[in-house]
Amino acid sequence: MQTGQTFHYLFLIGSGYPDPNDQQFYYTGDTLELKVLEFNSIGYYISESITPGSPVWNMDSTRYYGIQKDSVYVNLWIVRNDSLFIQSIHPEQYTHSHLLFRSNLH
């Protein structure tokens, strides 16, 4: 990854995992945008946002389970060997992420 690169990911929802005959997957049309803001010896500073044309903007509720759809989150991504560590750029705060919205990040 290089400073200035932008990546886009579509939101995929799935259900019925235990039963192979009942598995359902669909794309919501929502797009997550990741931008590489900076790279240094510590890691990558990544900005996460939901693109303005995403259908979630027209919904009263959010499918992101408490994460604010209009928030832009900036986190430090640290790669060590085969592991990725994501931490807040504000050490006194919890890490917030659109990408990992159902994860408990500290």
N, C-alpha and C. Protein backbone atom coordinates (compact mmCIF):
# COMPACT_ATOMS: atom_id res chain seq x y z
N MET A 1 0.85 -1.18 0.00
CA MET A 1 0.00 0.00 0.00
C MET A 1 0.89 1.24 0.00
N GLN A 2 0.37 2.28 -0.62
CA GLN A 2 1.09 3.54 -0.69
C GLN A 2 0.19 4.70 -0.28
N THR A 3 0.79 5.75 0.24
CA THR A 3 0.04 6.95 0.60
C THR A 3 -0.75 7.44 -0.61
N GLY A 4 -2.02 7.74 -0.37
CA GLY A 4 -2.89 8.23 -1.44
C GLY A 4 -3.75 7.17 -2.09
N GLN A 5 -3.44 5.90 -1.89
CA GLN A 5 -4.26 4.84 -2.48
C GLN A 5 -5.64 4.79 -1.83
N THR A 6 -6.65 4.48 -2.63
CA THR A 6 -8.02 4.35 -2.15
C THR A 6 -8.54 2.97 -2.57
N PHE A 7 -9.25 2.32 -1.65
CA PHE A 7 -9.82 1.01 -1.89
C PHE A 7 -11.32 1.05 -1.60
N HIS A 8 -12.11 0.33 -2.38
CA HIS A 8 -13.57 0.29 -2.20
C HIS A 8 -14.02 -1.16 -2.01
N TYR A 9 -14.92 -1.36 -1.04
CA TYR A 9 -15.43 -2.69 -0.73
C TYR A 9 -16.94 -2.64 -0.59
N LEU A 10 -17.63 -3.59 -1.22
CA LEU A 10 -19.09 -3.69 -1.11
C LEU A 10 -19.47 -4.49 0.13
N PHE A 11 -20.57 -4.10 0.76
CA PHE A 11 -21.05 -4.75 1.97
C PHE A 11 -21.85 -5.99 1.58
N LEU A 12 -21.40 -7.16 2.04
CA LEU A 12 -22.05 -8.44 1.77
C LEU A 12 -22.66 -8.95 3.06
N ILE A 13 -23.93 -9.31 3.03
CA ILE A 13 -24.60 -9.88 4.19
C ILE A 13 -24.92 -11.33 3.90
N GLY A 14 -24.68 -12.18 4.88
CA GLY A 14 -24.97 -13.60 4.72
C GLY A 14 -25.74 -14.12 5.91
N SER A 15 -26.50 -15.20 5.69
CA SER A 15 -27.24 -15.83 6.78
C SER A 15 -27.38 -17.32 6.47
N GLY A 16 -27.79 -18.07 7.48
CA GLY A 16 -28.01 -19.50 7.30
C GLY A 16 -26.74 -20.32 7.16
N TYR A 17 -25.65 -19.86 7.78
CA TYR A 17 -24.36 -20.55 7.63
C TYR A 17 -24.38 -22.03 8.02
N PRO A 18 -25.05 -22.43 9.12
CA PRO A 18 -24.98 -23.85 9.52
C PRO A 18 -25.66 -24.81 8.53
N ASP A 19 -26.63 -24.32 7.80
CA ASP A 19 -27.38 -25.19 6.89
C ASP A 19 -27.02 -24.86 5.45
N PRO A 20 -26.26 -25.72 4.77
CA PRO A 20 -25.85 -25.42 3.40
C PRO A 20 -27.03 -25.23 2.43
N ASN A 21 -28.22 -25.74 2.79
CA ASN A 21 -29.39 -25.57 1.92
C ASN A 21 -30.12 -24.26 2.18
N ASP A 22 -29.71 -23.54 3.23
CA ASP A 22 -30.40 -22.30 3.59
C ASP A 22 -29.48 -21.08 3.57
N GLN A 23 -28.31 -21.20 3.00
CA GLN A 23 -27.37 -20.09 2.97
C GLN A 23 -27.85 -19.02 2.00
N GLN A 24 -27.85 -17.79 2.48
CA GLN A 24 -28.28 -16.67 1.64
C GLN A 24 -27.24 -15.56 1.76
N PHE A 25 -26.86 -15.04 0.62
CA PHE A 25 -25.90 -13.95 0.57
C PHE A 25 -26.42 -12.88 -0.38
N TYR A 26 -26.25 -11.61 0.00
CA TYR A 26 -26.60 -10.53 -0.92
C TYR A 26 -25.78 -9.29 -0.62
N TYR A 27 -25.53 -8.52 -1.66
CA TYR A 27 -24.83 -7.26 -1.52
C TYR A 27 -25.84 -6.17 -1.25
N THR A 28 -25.52 -5.30 -0.29
CA THR A 28 -26.44 -4.22 0.08
C THR A 28 -26.35 -3.02 -0.85
N GLY A 29 -25.25 -2.90 -1.56
CA GLY A 29 -25.02 -1.71 -2.38
C GLY A 29 -24.22 -0.65 -1.65
N ASP A 30 -24.03 -0.84 -0.33
CA ASP A 30 -23.23 0.11 0.45
C ASP A 30 -21.75 -0.13 0.15
N THR A 31 -20.99 0.95 0.09
CA THR A 31 -19.57 0.85 -0.23
C THR A 31 -18.73 1.47 0.86
N LEU A 32 -17.76 0.70 1.34
CA LEU A 32 -16.78 1.18 2.31
C LEU A 32 -15.56 1.67 1.54
N GLU A 33 -15.10 2.86 1.89
CA GLU A 33 -13.92 3.42 1.24
C GLU A 33 -12.80 3.51 2.27
N LEU A 34 -11.66 2.92 1.94
CA LEU A 34 -10.45 2.99 2.76
C LEU A 34 -9.43 3.82 2.00
N LYS A 35 -8.82 4.78 2.72
CA LYS A 35 -7.78 5.61 2.10
C LYS A 35 -6.52 5.51 2.94
N VAL A 36 -5.40 5.37 2.27
CA VAL A 36 -4.10 5.39 2.95
C VAL A 36 -3.68 6.85 3.07
N LEU A 37 -3.73 7.36 4.30
CA LEU A 37 -3.41 8.77 4.52
C LEU A 37 -1.91 9.00 4.66
N GLU A 38 -1.26 8.04 5.31
CA GLU A 38 0.18 8.20 5.57
C GLU A 38 0.77 6.84 5.87
N PHE A 39 2.04 6.69 5.54
CA PHE A 39 2.79 5.50 5.90
C PHE A 39 4.10 5.96 6.51
N ASN A 40 4.45 5.37 7.65
CA ASN A 40 5.74 5.67 8.26
C ASN A 40 6.30 4.40 8.90
N SER A 41 7.33 4.53 9.70
CA SER A 41 7.99 3.35 10.27
C SER A 41 7.10 2.59 11.26
N ILE A 42 6.04 3.24 11.76
CA ILE A 42 5.13 2.57 12.70
C ILE A 42 4.08 1.75 11.96
N GLY A 43 3.50 2.34 10.92
CA GLY A 43 2.45 1.65 10.18
C GLY A 43 1.72 2.57 9.21
N TYR A 44 0.50 2.18 8.88
CA TYR A 44 -0.34 2.90 7.92
C TYR A 44 -1.46 3.63 8.67
N TYR A 45 -1.68 4.89 8.34
CA TYR A 45 -2.82 5.62 8.85
C TYR A 45 -3.92 5.51 7.81
N ILE A 46 -5.01 4.84 8.19
CA ILE A 46 -6.09 4.51 7.26
C ILE A 46 -7.36 5.24 7.65
N SER A 47 -8.00 5.86 6.68
CA SER A 47 -9.29 6.51 6.86
C SER A 47 -10.38 5.58 6.34
N GLU A 48 -11.45 5.40 7.13
CA GLU A 48 -12.58 4.54 6.73
C GLU A 48 -13.85 5.38 6.68
N SER A 49 -14.58 5.29 5.58
CA SER A 49 -15.86 6.00 5.48
C SER A 49 -16.81 5.23 4.57
N ILE A 50 -18.10 5.51 4.72
CA ILE A 50 -19.13 4.94 3.85
C ILE A 50 -19.38 5.96 2.74
N THR A 51 -19.31 5.53 1.48
CA THR A 51 -19.42 6.48 0.37
C THR A 51 -20.82 7.12 0.33
N PRO A 52 -20.89 8.38 -0.09
CA PRO A 52 -22.16 9.13 -0.11
C PRO A 52 -23.27 8.48 -0.93
N GLY A 53 -22.98 7.73 -1.97
CA GLY A 53 -24.02 7.12 -2.79
C GLY A 53 -24.57 5.81 -2.25
N SER A 54 -24.10 5.39 -1.09
CA SER A 54 -24.53 4.11 -0.53
C SER A 54 -25.99 4.17 -0.08
N PRO A 55 -26.77 3.10 -0.31
CA PRO A 55 -28.18 3.07 0.07
C PRO A 55 -28.43 3.33 1.56
N VAL A 56 -27.47 3.00 2.43
CA VAL A 56 -27.68 3.20 3.86
C VAL A 56 -27.96 4.67 4.20
N TRP A 57 -27.51 5.59 3.37
CA TRP A 57 -27.75 7.02 3.61
C TRP A 57 -29.24 7.36 3.53
N ASN A 58 -30.02 6.57 2.82
CA ASN A 58 -31.46 6.82 2.67
C ASN A 58 -32.30 6.05 3.67
N MET A 59 -31.66 5.39 4.62
CA MET A 59 -32.37 4.59 5.62
C MET A 59 -32.46 5.36 6.94
N ASP A 60 -33.61 5.20 7.63
CA ASP A 60 -33.74 5.82 8.95
C ASP A 60 -32.84 5.14 9.97
N SER A 61 -32.75 3.84 9.88
CA SER A 61 -31.89 3.10 10.81
C SER A 61 -30.59 2.76 10.09
N THR A 62 -29.68 2.24 10.84
CA THR A 62 -28.41 1.85 10.25
C THR A 62 -28.23 0.35 10.35
N ARG A 63 -27.66 -0.26 9.35
CA ARG A 63 -27.38 -1.68 9.42
C ARG A 63 -26.01 -1.93 10.04
N TYR A 64 -25.39 -0.89 10.51
CA TYR A 64 -24.04 -1.01 11.05
C TYR A 64 -24.01 -1.13 12.56
N TYR A 65 -25.15 -1.52 13.16
CA TYR A 65 -25.21 -1.91 14.57
C TYR A 65 -24.54 -0.92 15.51
N GLY A 66 -24.95 0.33 15.43
CA GLY A 66 -24.46 1.32 16.37
C GLY A 66 -23.33 2.18 15.86
N ILE A 67 -22.71 1.78 14.78
CA ILE A 67 -21.64 2.60 14.21
C ILE A 67 -22.31 3.71 13.40
N GLN A 68 -21.84 4.91 13.56
CA GLN A 68 -22.42 6.04 12.85
C GLN A 68 -22.02 6.01 11.37
N LYS A 69 -23.03 5.92 10.51
CA LYS A 69 -22.76 5.79 9.08
C LYS A 69 -22.08 7.03 8.49
N ASP A 70 -22.24 8.18 9.13
CA ASP A 70 -21.62 9.40 8.61
C ASP A 70 -20.25 9.68 9.23
N SER A 71 -19.75 8.78 10.05
CA SER A 71 -18.45 8.98 10.69
C SER A 71 -17.31 8.57 9.77
N VAL A 72 -16.22 9.29 9.90
CA VAL A 72 -14.97 8.93 9.25
C VAL A 72 -14.02 8.53 10.37
N TYR A 73 -13.54 7.30 10.31
CA TYR A 73 -12.64 6.80 11.34
C TYR A 73 -11.23 6.73 10.77
N VAL A 74 -10.28 7.21 11.56
CA VAL A 74 -8.87 7.12 11.18
C VAL A 74 -8.17 6.29 12.24
N ASN A 75 -7.55 5.20 11.78
CA ASN A 75 -6.85 4.30 12.69
C ASN A 75 -5.45 4.03 12.16
N LEU A 76 -4.61 3.56 13.05
CA LEU A 76 -3.26 3.14 12.70
C LEU A 76 -3.25 1.64 12.48
N TRP A 77 -2.86 1.21 11.31
CA TRP A 77 -2.76 -0.22 10.99
C TRP A 77 -1.29 -0.60 11.06
N ILE A 78 -0.99 -1.56 11.93
CA ILE A 78 0.38 -2.01 12.13
C ILE A 78 0.48 -3.45 11.65
N VAL A 79 1.39 -3.71 10.73
CA VAL A 79 1.60 -5.06 10.21
C VAL A 79 2.88 -5.61 10.82
N ARG A 80 2.73 -6.74 11.52
CA ARG A 80 3.88 -7.44 12.10
C ARG A 80 3.83 -8.89 11.63
N ASN A 81 4.81 -9.27 10.85
CA ASN A 81 4.86 -10.62 10.29
C ASN A 81 3.56 -10.90 9.54
N ASP A 82 2.75 -11.86 10.00
CA ASP A 82 1.50 -12.19 9.31
C ASP A 82 0.28 -11.68 10.06
N SER A 83 0.47 -10.69 10.94
CA SER A 83 -0.65 -10.18 11.76
C SER A 83 -0.89 -8.70 11.50
N LEU A 84 -2.16 -8.32 11.57
CA LEU A 84 -2.57 -6.92 11.44
C LEU A 84 -3.13 -6.45 12.77
N PHE A 85 -2.60 -5.35 13.29
CA PHE A 85 -3.09 -4.73 14.52
C PHE A 85 -3.68 -3.38 14.14
N ILE A 86 -4.90 -3.14 14.59
CA ILE A 86 -5.56 -1.86 14.31
C ILE A 86 -5.77 -1.15 15.63
N GLN A 87 -5.25 0.06 15.73
CA GLN A 87 -5.41 0.81 16.97
C GLN A 87 -5.82 2.24 16.67
N SER A 88 -6.50 2.82 17.64
CA SER A 88 -6.95 4.21 17.53
C SER A 88 -5.74 5.13 17.48
N ILE A 89 -5.89 6.24 16.78
CA ILE A 89 -4.81 7.23 16.77
C ILE A 89 -4.86 8.06 18.06
N HIS A 90 -5.92 7.85 18.86
CA HIS A 90 -6.06 8.49 20.17
C HIS A 90 -6.00 7.38 21.21
N PRO A 91 -4.85 7.14 21.82
CA PRO A 91 -4.69 5.99 22.73
C PRO A 91 -5.71 5.92 23.87
N GLU A 92 -6.28 7.04 24.26
CA GLU A 92 -7.24 7.02 25.36
C GLU A 92 -8.65 6.61 24.92
N GLN A 93 -8.85 6.38 23.63
CA GLN A 93 -10.17 6.03 23.11
C GLN A 93 -10.18 4.61 22.55
N TYR A 94 -11.38 4.01 22.53
CA TYR A 94 -11.56 2.73 21.85
C TYR A 94 -11.38 2.95 20.35
N THR A 95 -10.98 1.90 19.67
CA THR A 95 -10.85 1.93 18.23
C THR A 95 -12.23 1.73 17.60
N HIS A 96 -12.61 2.60 16.68
CA HIS A 96 -13.86 2.47 15.95
C HIS A 96 -13.53 2.14 14.50
N SER A 97 -14.36 1.29 13.90
CA SER A 97 -14.07 0.85 12.54
C SER A 97 -15.35 0.47 11.81
N HIS A 98 -15.49 0.94 10.57
CA HIS A 98 -16.58 0.47 9.72
C HIS A 98 -16.27 -0.95 9.23
N LEU A 99 -15.01 -1.20 8.94
CA LEU A 99 -14.60 -2.50 8.42
C LEU A 99 -14.87 -3.62 9.42
N LEU A 100 -14.61 -3.37 10.67
CA LEU A 100 -14.75 -4.38 11.72
C LEU A 100 -15.84 -3.97 12.70
N PHE A 101 -16.99 -3.54 12.19
CA PHE A 101 -18.01 -2.92 13.03
C PHE A 101 -18.59 -3.82 14.09
N ARG A 102 -18.49 -5.12 13.98
CA ARG A 102 -19.03 -6.01 15.00
C ARG A 102 -17.93 -6.59 15.89
N SER A 103 -16.74 -6.03 15.81
CA SER A 103 -15.62 -6.51 16.61
C SER A 103 -15.45 -5.65 17.83
N ASN A 104 -14.89 -6.22 18.86
CA ASN A 104 -14.53 -5.48 20.07
C ASN A 104 -13.06 -5.09 19.95
N LEU A 105 -12.84 -3.85 19.57
CA LEU A 105 -11.48 -3.35 19.40
C LEU A 105 -11.13 -2.47 20.59
N HIS A 106 -9.92 -2.61 21.07
CA HIS A 106 -9.47 -1.75 22.18
C HIS A 106 -8.19 -1.06 21.80
